[in-house]
Amino acid sequence: MSGTNRVKLCDRCSQAAPILYRVKYEDGGNWIFVCPQCWTGVSENNPFYVYGGTWKAVKNRKKRKG
């Protein structure tokens, strides 16, 4: 069984990306999804940066034995 293709846009640049990172980057900020290009800008030398996981457009589903 193949993976499911999904689409999500970067919350900073609005571009579709196959991988997005869930982050907070402002004091008291909300969780957002950023592409790898925007991630560099929000994470470097930022004391408020928090990583919350990786979202992938192609989600592999493993077959269960049973």
N, C-alpha and C. Protein backbone atom coordinates (compact mmCIF):
# COMPACT_ATOMS: atom_id res chain seq x y z
N MET A 1 0.85 -1.17 0.00
CA MET A 1 0.00 0.00 0.00
C MET A 1 0.89 1.24 0.00
N SER A 2 0.64 2.17 -0.89
CA SER A 2 1.47 3.36 -0.98
C SER A 2 1.01 4.41 0.02
N GLY A 3 1.88 5.41 0.24
CA GLY A 3 1.57 6.48 1.18
C GLY A 3 0.50 7.40 0.64
N THR A 4 -0.03 8.22 1.51
CA THR A 4 -1.05 9.20 1.16
C THR A 4 -0.39 10.54 0.94
N ASN A 5 -0.66 11.20 -0.20
CA ASN A 5 -0.12 12.53 -0.46
C ASN A 5 -1.03 13.57 0.16
N ARG A 6 -0.43 14.48 0.91
CA ARG A 6 -1.18 15.55 1.56
C ARG A 6 -0.52 16.88 1.22
N VAL A 7 -1.25 17.97 1.37
CA VAL A 7 -0.71 19.29 1.06
C VAL A 7 -0.91 20.20 2.26
N LYS A 8 0.16 20.91 2.61
CA LYS A 8 0.10 21.90 3.68
C LYS A 8 1.05 23.03 3.28
N LEU A 9 0.68 24.26 3.62
CA LEU A 9 1.48 25.42 3.26
C LEU A 9 2.28 25.93 4.46
N CYS A 10 3.44 26.49 4.17
CA CYS A 10 4.26 27.14 5.20
C CYS A 10 3.49 28.35 5.72
N ASP A 11 3.42 28.49 7.03
CA ASP A 11 2.70 29.61 7.64
C ASP A 11 3.43 30.95 7.49
N ARG A 12 4.69 30.93 7.10
CA ARG A 12 5.44 32.19 6.92
C ARG A 12 5.46 32.63 5.46
N CYS A 13 5.78 31.72 4.52
CA CYS A 13 5.94 32.13 3.12
C CYS A 13 4.80 31.63 2.22
N SER A 14 3.90 30.83 2.76
CA SER A 14 2.72 30.31 2.04
C SER A 14 3.05 29.38 0.88
N GLN A 15 4.25 28.82 0.85
CA GLN A 15 4.62 27.87 -0.19
C GLN A 15 4.33 26.44 0.29
N ALA A 16 3.87 25.60 -0.65
CA ALA A 16 3.68 24.18 -0.33
C ALA A 16 5.06 23.53 -0.21
N ALA A 17 5.21 22.63 0.74
CA ALA A 17 6.48 21.95 0.94
C ALA A 17 6.22 20.51 1.36
N PRO A 18 7.07 19.57 0.93
CA PRO A 18 6.87 18.16 1.30
C PRO A 18 7.17 17.87 2.76
N ILE A 19 7.95 18.75 3.39
CA ILE A 19 8.28 18.61 4.81
C ILE A 19 8.13 19.97 5.47
N LEU A 20 7.43 20.01 6.60
CA LEU A 20 7.28 21.24 7.38
C LEU A 20 7.62 20.93 8.83
N TYR A 21 8.14 21.92 9.54
CA TYR A 21 8.48 21.77 10.94
C TYR A 21 7.49 22.56 11.79
N ARG A 22 6.98 21.91 12.84
CA ARG A 22 6.07 22.58 13.76
C ARG A 22 6.93 23.27 14.81
N VAL A 23 6.79 24.61 14.91
CA VAL A 23 7.65 25.38 15.80
C VAL A 23 6.89 26.52 16.47
N LYS A 24 7.48 26.98 17.57
CA LYS A 24 7.13 28.27 18.18
C LYS A 24 8.42 29.07 18.10
N TYR A 25 8.33 30.36 17.75
CA TYR A 25 9.56 31.13 17.66
C TYR A 25 9.45 32.53 18.27
N GLU A 26 8.32 32.83 18.91
CA GLU A 26 8.15 34.11 19.59
C GLU A 26 7.76 33.84 21.04
N ASP A 27 8.10 34.76 21.93
CA ASP A 27 7.73 34.64 23.33
C ASP A 27 6.20 34.59 23.44
N GLY A 28 5.68 33.49 23.91
CA GLY A 28 4.23 33.32 24.03
C GLY A 28 3.53 33.08 22.70
N GLY A 29 4.28 32.77 21.67
CA GLY A 29 3.71 32.57 20.34
C GLY A 29 2.95 31.26 20.20
N ASN A 30 2.21 31.16 19.10
CA ASN A 30 1.45 29.95 18.79
C ASN A 30 2.30 29.00 17.96
N TRP A 31 1.88 27.73 17.91
CA TRP A 31 2.53 26.75 17.05
C TRP A 31 2.21 27.08 15.60
N ILE A 32 3.23 27.01 14.75
CA ILE A 32 3.04 27.19 13.31
C ILE A 32 3.85 26.14 12.58
N PHE A 33 3.57 25.96 11.28
CA PHE A 33 4.35 25.07 10.42
C PHE A 33 5.20 25.91 9.49
N VAL A 34 6.51 25.62 9.44
CA VAL A 34 7.41 26.35 8.55
C VAL A 34 8.19 25.38 7.67
N CYS A 35 8.49 25.83 6.45
CA CYS A 35 9.29 25.04 5.51
C CYS A 35 10.76 25.10 5.93
N PRO A 36 11.60 24.24 5.36
CA PRO A 36 13.02 24.25 5.74
C PRO A 36 13.70 25.60 5.53
N GLN A 37 13.33 26.34 4.49
CA GLN A 37 13.94 27.64 4.25
C GLN A 37 13.56 28.63 5.35
N CYS A 38 12.31 28.70 5.72
CA CYS A 38 11.87 29.61 6.79
C CYS A 38 12.35 29.14 8.15
N TRP A 39 12.50 27.84 8.33
CA TRP A 39 12.95 27.28 9.60
C TRP A 39 14.31 27.85 10.01
N THR A 40 15.20 27.99 9.04
CA THR A 40 16.53 28.53 9.33
C THR A 40 16.42 29.92 9.96
N GLY A 41 15.56 30.75 9.40
CA GLY A 41 15.41 32.12 9.90
C GLY A 41 14.79 32.22 11.28
N VAL A 42 13.88 31.32 11.61
CA VAL A 42 13.21 31.41 12.92
C VAL A 42 13.95 30.68 14.03
N SER A 43 14.84 29.75 13.67
CA SER A 43 15.48 28.93 14.70
C SER A 43 16.85 29.44 15.15
N GLU A 44 17.62 30.04 14.24
CA GLU A 44 18.98 30.44 14.57
C GLU A 44 19.03 31.57 15.60
N ASN A 45 19.81 31.35 16.65
CA ASN A 45 20.04 32.36 17.70
C ASN A 45 18.74 32.92 18.27
N ASN A 46 17.74 32.07 18.44
CA ASN A 46 16.44 32.50 18.93
C ASN A 46 16.15 31.81 20.27
N PRO A 47 16.17 32.55 21.39
CA PRO A 47 15.94 31.93 22.69
C PRO A 47 14.49 31.45 22.88
N PHE A 48 13.57 31.89 22.04
CA PHE A 48 12.16 31.49 22.16
C PHE A 48 11.80 30.31 21.25
N TYR A 49 12.77 29.84 20.46
CA TYR A 49 12.51 28.76 19.50
C TYR A 49 12.23 27.44 20.23
N VAL A 50 11.13 26.77 19.82
CA VAL A 50 10.79 25.45 20.33
C VAL A 50 10.37 24.59 19.15
N TYR A 51 10.97 23.40 19.04
CA TYR A 51 10.64 22.44 17.98
C TYR A 51 9.52 21.54 18.47
N GLY A 52 8.51 21.30 17.60
CA GLY A 52 7.38 20.48 18.01
C GLY A 52 7.08 19.31 17.11
N GLY A 53 7.99 18.98 16.19
CA GLY A 53 7.79 17.81 15.35
C GLY A 53 7.89 18.14 13.87
N THR A 54 7.88 17.08 13.07
CA THR A 54 8.00 17.20 11.62
C THR A 54 6.75 16.65 10.95
N TRP A 55 6.21 17.41 10.01
CA TRP A 55 5.06 16.99 9.21
C TRP A 55 5.57 16.61 7.83
N LYS A 56 5.11 15.47 7.31
CA LYS A 56 5.53 15.01 5.98
C LYS A 56 4.32 14.85 5.09
N ALA A 57 4.46 15.28 3.83
CA ALA A 57 3.37 15.20 2.86
C ALA A 57 3.04 13.76 2.52
N VAL A 58 4.04 12.90 2.48
CA VAL A 58 3.81 11.49 2.18
C VAL A 58 3.96 10.72 3.48
N LYS A 59 2.85 10.21 3.94
CA LYS A 59 2.83 9.46 5.20
C LYS A 59 2.83 7.98 4.88
N ASN A 60 3.88 7.29 5.26
CA ASN A 60 3.96 5.86 5.01
C ASN A 60 3.17 5.12 6.07
N ARG A 61 2.37 4.22 5.61
CA ARG A 61 1.60 3.39 6.54
C ARG A 61 2.13 1.96 6.45
N LYS A 62 2.55 1.45 7.57
CA LYS A 62 3.10 0.10 7.61
C LYS A 62 1.97 -0.92 7.67
N LYS A 63 2.15 -2.02 6.98
CA LYS A 63 1.18 -3.11 7.07
C LYS A 63 1.40 -3.84 8.38
N ARG A 64 0.30 -4.19 9.00
CA ARG A 64 0.38 -4.95 10.24
C ARG A 64 0.23 -6.42 9.92
N LYS A 65 1.05 -7.23 10.59
CA LYS A 65 0.93 -8.68 10.45
C LYS A 65 -0.09 -9.16 11.45
N GLY A 66 -0.87 -10.11 11.03
CA GLY A 66 -1.82 -10.60 12.01
C GLY A 66 -2.89 -11.35 11.44
